[in-house]
Amino acid sequence: MTRRSVVLGLALALAAASVPAHAAGRGRRADTDAGREYFVEVLVLHATNSGKGIDERIGDLPELRKPPFSSYDSYELLQAERLPLVVGEPRELRLPNDRVLRTSLVAVLPRETLRIAASINQPKGKTFLPLLEVKAKVGQRFIVAGQKYRAGILVLVFRVTR
């Protein structure tokens, strides 16, 4: 098993453990959350073993100091984006490796919980992450990692906000 597949597998497991993926209740909208605006903040990090440490612009992300992410000693912030989330209106973000991240709001659930779908595609090429669907509360993070980039990998940190 390659380091890439191990990190990807563990990153997805971390995402699943911290914000469980669900298929039930698709398309429901809680009356109390109707009309509120939601966003997903996406941090695009470059993980390497260059000895530079963690870029201070990233802020406090304790996950980076724990396995599987601690297998890299350096994290550089490449992009920070805030994408609006609206049911039925997917948003795209071009990543540094020319792949395209596509996020969409599937449903707004009770107690400020959102069901979000994400996929990563290479234009006219192979799909890296066909579809990941998570359920996340406002303020909660989930991480997707493992795409090769230069002498390391890309790490995408998602956080739902209002």
C-alpha atoms as a PDB file:
ATOM      1  CA  MET A   1       0.000   0.000   0.000  1.00  0.00           C
ATOM      2  CA  THR A   2       1.423   3.416  -0.908  1.00  0.00           C
ATOM      3  CA  ARG A   3       1.712   6.317   1.495  1.00  0.00           C
ATOM      4  CA  ARG A   4      -0.831   8.173  -0.660  1.00  0.00           C
ATOM      5  CA  SER A   5      -3.486   5.485  -0.373  1.00  0.00           C
ATOM      6  CA  VAL A   6      -2.879   5.138   3.368  1.00  0.00           C
ATOM      7  CA  VAL A   7      -3.240   8.880   3.952  1.00  0.00           C
ATOM      8  CA  LEU A   8      -6.328   9.077   1.749  1.00  0.00           C
ATOM      9  CA  GLY A   9      -7.943   6.112   3.449  1.00  0.00           C
ATOM     10  CA  LEU A  10      -7.206   7.430   6.912  1.00  0.00           C
ATOM     11  CA  ALA A  11      -8.286  10.951   6.004  1.00  0.00           C
ATOM     12  CA  LEU A  12     -11.610   9.697   4.743  1.00  0.00           C
ATOM     13  CA  ALA A  13     -11.949   7.553   7.859  1.00  0.00           C
ATOM     14  CA  LEU A  14     -11.281  10.639   9.969  1.00  0.00           C
ATOM     15  CA  ALA A  15     -13.956  12.508   8.058  1.00  0.00           C
ATOM     16  CA  ALA A  16     -16.394   9.657   8.518  1.00  0.00           C
ATOM     17  CA  ALA A  17     -15.617   9.390  12.234  1.00  0.00           C
ATOM     18  CA  SER A  18     -15.916  13.099  12.940  1.00  0.00           C
ATOM     19  CA  VAL A  19     -18.946  13.763  10.747  1.00  0.00           C
ATOM     20  CA  PRO A  20     -20.800  10.577   9.869  1.00  0.00           C
ATOM     21  CA  ALA A  21     -21.912  10.117   6.300  1.00  0.00           C
ATOM     22  CA  HIS A  22     -25.613   9.383   5.925  1.00  0.00           C
ATOM     23  CA  ALA A  23     -27.910   8.624   3.042  1.00  0.00           C
ATOM     24  CA  ALA A  24     -31.247   8.833   4.871  1.00  0.00           C
ATOM     25  CA  GLY A  25     -33.262  12.036   4.857  1.00  0.00           C
ATOM     26  CA  ARG A  26     -31.896  13.280   1.551  1.00  0.00           C
ATOM     27  CA  GLY A  27     -33.479  16.490   0.368  1.00  0.00           C
ATOM     28  CA  ARG A  28     -35.179  17.459   3.648  1.00  0.00           C
ATOM     29  CA  ARG A  29     -35.026  21.045   4.790  1.00  0.00           C
ATOM     30  CA  ALA A  30     -35.633  21.989   8.396  1.00  0.00           C
ATOM     31  CA  ASP A  31     -38.185  24.792   8.719  1.00  0.00           C
ATOM     32  CA  THR A  32     -36.101  26.498  11.409  1.00  0.00           C
ATOM     33  CA  ASP A  33     -33.074  26.722   9.084  1.00  0.00           C
ATOM     34  CA  ALA A  34     -34.938  27.788   5.925  1.00  0.00           C
ATOM     35  CA  GLY A  35     -33.674  31.061   4.503  1.00  0.00           C
ATOM     36  CA  ARG A  36     -30.338  31.049   6.340  1.00  0.00           C
ATOM     37  CA  GLU A  37     -27.142  31.391   4.370  1.00  0.00           C
ATOM     38  CA  TYR A  38     -24.426  28.771   4.724  1.00  0.00           C
ATOM     39  CA  PHE A  39     -20.896  28.574   3.392  1.00  0.00           C
ATOM     40  CA  VAL A  40     -18.108  26.041   3.226  1.00  0.00           C
ATOM     41  CA  GLU A  41     -14.610  27.296   3.931  1.00  0.00           C
ATOM     42  CA  VAL A  42     -11.992  25.312   2.042  1.00  0.00           C
ATOM     43  CA  LEU A  43      -8.328  25.414   2.995  1.00  0.00           C
ATOM     44  CA  VAL A  44      -6.033  23.870   0.389  1.00  0.00           C
ATOM     45  CA  LEU A  45      -2.802  22.766   2.056  1.00  0.00           C
ATOM     46  CA  HIS A  46       0.406  21.341   0.605  1.00  0.00           C
ATOM     47  CA  ALA A  47       1.831  18.634   2.890  1.00  0.00           C
ATOM     48  CA  THR A  48       5.522  17.750   2.537  1.00  0.00           C
ATOM     49  CA  ASN A  49       8.492  16.633   4.584  1.00  0.00           C
ATOM     50  CA  SER A  50      10.539  19.747   3.848  1.00  0.00           C
ATOM     51  CA  GLY A  51      11.177  20.669   7.497  1.00  0.00           C
ATOM     52  CA  LYS A  52       9.400  24.048   7.265  1.00  0.00           C
ATOM     53  CA  GLY A  53       6.698  23.314   9.858  1.00  0.00           C
ATOM     54  CA  ILE A  54       3.071  24.417   9.759  1.00  0.00           C
ATOM     55  CA  ASP A  55       2.285  27.691   7.994  1.00  0.00           C
ATOM     56  CA  GLU A  56       0.957  30.122  10.636  1.00  0.00           C
ATOM     57  CA  ARG A  57      -1.779  31.268   8.215  1.00  0.00           C
ATOM     58  CA  ILE A  58      -3.423  27.849   8.641  1.00  0.00           C
ATOM     59  CA  GLY A  59      -4.289  28.552  12.269  1.00  0.00           C
ATOM     60  CA  ASP A  60      -4.903  25.897  14.905  1.00  0.00           C
ATOM     61  CA  LEU A  61      -5.537  22.515  13.296  1.00  0.00           C
ATOM     62  CA  PRO A  62      -4.624  19.853  15.876  1.00  0.00           C
ATOM     63  CA  GLU A  63      -5.451  17.135  13.315  1.00  0.00           C
ATOM     64  CA  LEU A  64      -2.222  17.978  11.463  1.00  0.00           C
ATOM     65  CA  ARG A  65      -0.168  16.878  14.477  1.00  0.00           C
ATOM     66  CA  LYS A  66      -1.904  13.474  14.713  1.00  0.00           C
ATOM     67  CA  PRO A  67      -1.749  10.400  12.461  1.00  0.00           C
ATOM     68  CA  PRO A  68      -2.142  10.100   9.550  1.00  0.00           C
ATOM     69  CA  PHE A  69      -1.318  13.775   8.987  1.00  0.00           C
ATOM     70  CA  SER A  70       1.683  13.797  11.332  1.00  0.00           C
ATOM     71  CA  SER A  71       3.547  11.706   8.752  1.00  0.00           C
ATOM     72  CA  TYR A  72       4.221  15.074   7.079  1.00  0.00           C
ATOM     73  CA  ASP A  73       6.227  17.728   8.925  1.00  0.00           C
ATOM     74  CA  SER A  74       5.323  20.737   6.787  1.00  0.00           C
ATOM     75  CA  TYR A  75       2.016  22.260   5.726  1.00  0.00           C
ATOM     76  CA  GLU A  76       1.751  25.323   3.501  1.00  0.00           C
ATOM     77  CA  LEU A  77      -1.520  27.177   2.855  1.00  0.00           C
ATOM     78  CA  LEU A  78      -2.017  27.399  -0.910  1.00  0.00           C
ATOM     79  CA  GLN A  79      -5.623  28.603  -1.082  1.00  0.00           C
ATOM     80  CA  ALA A  80      -8.380  29.688   1.267  1.00  0.00           C
ATOM     81  CA  GLU A  81     -11.847  30.012  -0.234  1.00  0.00           C
ATOM     82  CA  ARG A  82     -15.343  30.584   1.151  1.00  0.00           C
ATOM     83  CA  LEU A  83     -18.000  29.113  -1.119  1.00  0.00           C
ATOM     84  CA  PRO A  84     -21.724  29.768  -0.675  1.00  0.00           C
ATOM     85  CA  LEU A  85     -23.878  26.681  -0.172  1.00  0.00           C
ATOM     86  CA  VAL A  86     -27.311  26.666  -1.792  1.00  0.00           C
ATOM     87  CA  VAL A  87     -29.380  23.524  -2.418  1.00  0.00           C
ATOM     88  CA  GLY A  88     -29.232  22.680  -6.124  1.00  0.00           C
ATOM     89  CA  GLU A  89     -26.389  25.118  -6.912  1.00  0.00           C
ATOM     90  CA  PRO A  90     -23.021  23.283  -6.970  1.00  0.00           C
ATOM     91  CA  ARG A  91     -19.840  25.350  -6.604  1.00  0.00           C
ATOM     92  CA  GLU A  92     -16.485  24.601  -8.212  1.00  0.00           C
ATOM     93  CA  LEU A  93     -12.950  25.421  -7.173  1.00  0.00           C
ATOM     94  CA  ARG A  94      -9.875  24.787  -9.330  1.00  0.00           C
ATOM     95  CA  LEU A  95      -7.132  23.200  -7.248  1.00  0.00           C
ATOM     96  CA  PRO A  96      -3.376  23.841  -7.681  1.00  0.00           C
ATOM     97  CA  ASN A  97      -2.984  20.479  -9.483  1.00  0.00           C
ATOM     98  CA  ASP A  98      -5.633  21.544 -12.072  1.00  0.00           C
ATOM     99  CA  ARG A  99      -8.260  19.180 -10.694  1.00  0.00           C
ATOM    100  CA  VAL A 100     -11.679  20.615  -9.901  1.00  0.00           C
ATOM    101  CA  LEU A 101     -13.343  20.382  -6.507  1.00  0.00           C
ATOM    102  CA  ARG A 102     -17.123  20.447  -6.752  1.00  0.00           C
ATOM    103  CA  THR A 103     -19.186  20.990  -3.605  1.00  0.00           C
ATOM    104  CA  SER A 104     -22.917  21.151  -3.198  1.00  0.00           C
ATOM    105  CA  LEU A 105     -25.461  21.468  -0.440  1.00  0.00           C
ATOM    106  CA  VAL A 106     -27.699  18.407  -0.501  1.00  0.00           C
ATOM    107  CA  ALA A 107     -29.944  19.344   2.431  1.00  0.00           C
ATOM    108  CA  VAL A 108     -30.287  21.514   5.502  1.00  0.00           C
ATOM    109  CA  LEU A 109     -31.242  19.372   8.484  1.00  0.00           C
ATOM    110  CA  PRO A 110     -32.327  20.294  12.020  1.00  0.00           C
ATOM    111  CA  ARG A 111     -29.900  21.798  14.541  1.00  0.00           C
ATOM    112  CA  GLU A 112     -27.715  23.592  11.990  1.00  0.00           C
ATOM    113  CA  THR A 113     -26.601  20.372  10.358  1.00  0.00           C
ATOM    114  CA  LEU A 114     -25.928  20.268   6.626  1.00  0.00           C
ATOM    115  CA  ARG A 115     -25.540  17.363   4.227  1.00  0.00           C
ATOM    116  CA  ILE A 116     -22.732  18.274   1.811  1.00  0.00           C
ATOM    117  CA  ALA A 117     -21.474  16.428  -1.262  1.00  0.00           C
ATOM    118  CA  ALA A 118     -17.932  16.855  -2.610  1.00  0.00           C
ATOM    119  CA  SER A 119     -16.100  15.384  -5.575  1.00  0.00           C
ATOM    120  CA  ILE A 120     -12.719  15.974  -7.191  1.00  0.00           C
ATOM    121  CA  ASN A 121     -12.323  15.533 -10.932  1.00  0.00           C
ATOM    122  CA  GLN A 122      -9.575  16.117 -13.425  1.00  0.00           C
ATOM    123  CA  PRO A 123     -10.975  17.949 -16.446  1.00  0.00           C
ATOM    124  CA  LYS A 124     -11.402  15.388 -19.243  1.00  0.00           C
ATOM    125  CA  GLY A 125      -9.610  12.838 -17.092  1.00  0.00           C
ATOM    126  CA  LYS A 126      -9.758  10.362 -14.253  1.00  0.00           C
ATOM    127  CA  THR A 127     -11.873  11.044 -11.172  1.00  0.00           C
ATOM    128  CA  PHE A 128      -9.846  11.223  -7.957  1.00  0.00           C
ATOM    129  CA  LEU A 129     -12.764  11.374  -5.537  1.00  0.00           C
ATOM    130  CA  PRO A 130     -16.000  10.353  -7.273  1.00  0.00           C
ATOM    131  CA  LEU A 131     -18.372  11.437  -4.498  1.00  0.00           C
ATOM    132  CA  LEU A 132     -18.108  11.964  -0.785  1.00  0.00           C
ATOM    133  CA  GLU A 133     -21.203  12.900   1.161  1.00  0.00           C
ATOM    134  CA  VAL A 134     -20.954  14.033   4.772  1.00  0.00           C
ATOM    135  CA  LYS A 135     -23.231  15.452   7.395  1.00  0.00           C
ATOM    136  CA  ALA A 136     -21.625  18.379   9.258  1.00  0.00           C
ATOM    137  CA  LYS A 137     -22.788  20.849  11.873  1.00  0.00           C
ATOM    138  CA  VAL A 138     -21.928  24.514  11.525  1.00  0.00           C
ATOM    139  CA  GLY A 139     -18.317  24.945  12.688  1.00  0.00           C
ATOM    140  CA  GLN A 140     -17.368  21.293  12.169  1.00  0.00           C
ATOM    141  CA  ARG A 141     -14.431  20.296   9.934  1.00  0.00           C
ATOM    142  CA  PHE A 142     -13.748  17.357   7.671  1.00  0.00           C
ATOM    143  CA  ILE A 143     -10.582  16.585   5.738  1.00  0.00           C
ATOM    144  CA  VAL A 144      -9.857  14.959   2.381  1.00  0.00           C
ATOM    145  CA  ALA A 145      -6.233  14.188   1.499  1.00  0.00           C
ATOM    146  CA  GLY A 146      -4.033  12.120  -0.759  1.00  0.00           C
ATOM    147  CA  GLN A 147      -3.750  13.813  -4.161  1.00  0.00           C
ATOM    148  CA  LYS A 148      -0.123  13.923  -5.268  1.00  0.00           C
ATOM    149  CA  TYR A 149       1.219  17.424  -5.677  1.00  0.00           C
ATOM    150  CA  ARG A 150       4.860  18.337  -6.255  1.00  0.00           C
ATOM    151  CA  ALA A 151       6.940  16.598  -3.553  1.00  0.00           C
ATOM    152  CA  GLY A 152       3.944  15.878  -1.318  1.00  0.00           C
ATOM    153  CA  ILE A 153       0.165  15.779  -1.279  1.00  0.00           C
ATOM    154  CA  LEU A 154      -2.778  18.162  -1.160  1.00  0.00           C
ATOM    155  CA  VAL A 155      -4.866  18.271   1.996  1.00  0.00           C
ATOM    156  CA  LEU A 156      -8.315  19.874   1.775  1.00  0.00           C
ATOM    157  CA  VAL A 157      -9.855  21.081   5.029  1.00  0.00           C
ATOM    158  CA  PHE A 158     -13.583  21.865   4.877  1.00  0.00           C
ATOM    159  CA  ARG A 159     -15.554  23.775   7.531  1.00  0.00           C
ATOM    160  CA  VAL A 160     -19.222  24.716   7.382  1.00  0.00           C
ATOM    161  CA  THR A 161     -20.013  28.306   8.441  1.00  0.00           C
ATOM    162  CA  ARG A 162     -22.846  30.831   8.394  1.00  0.00           C
END
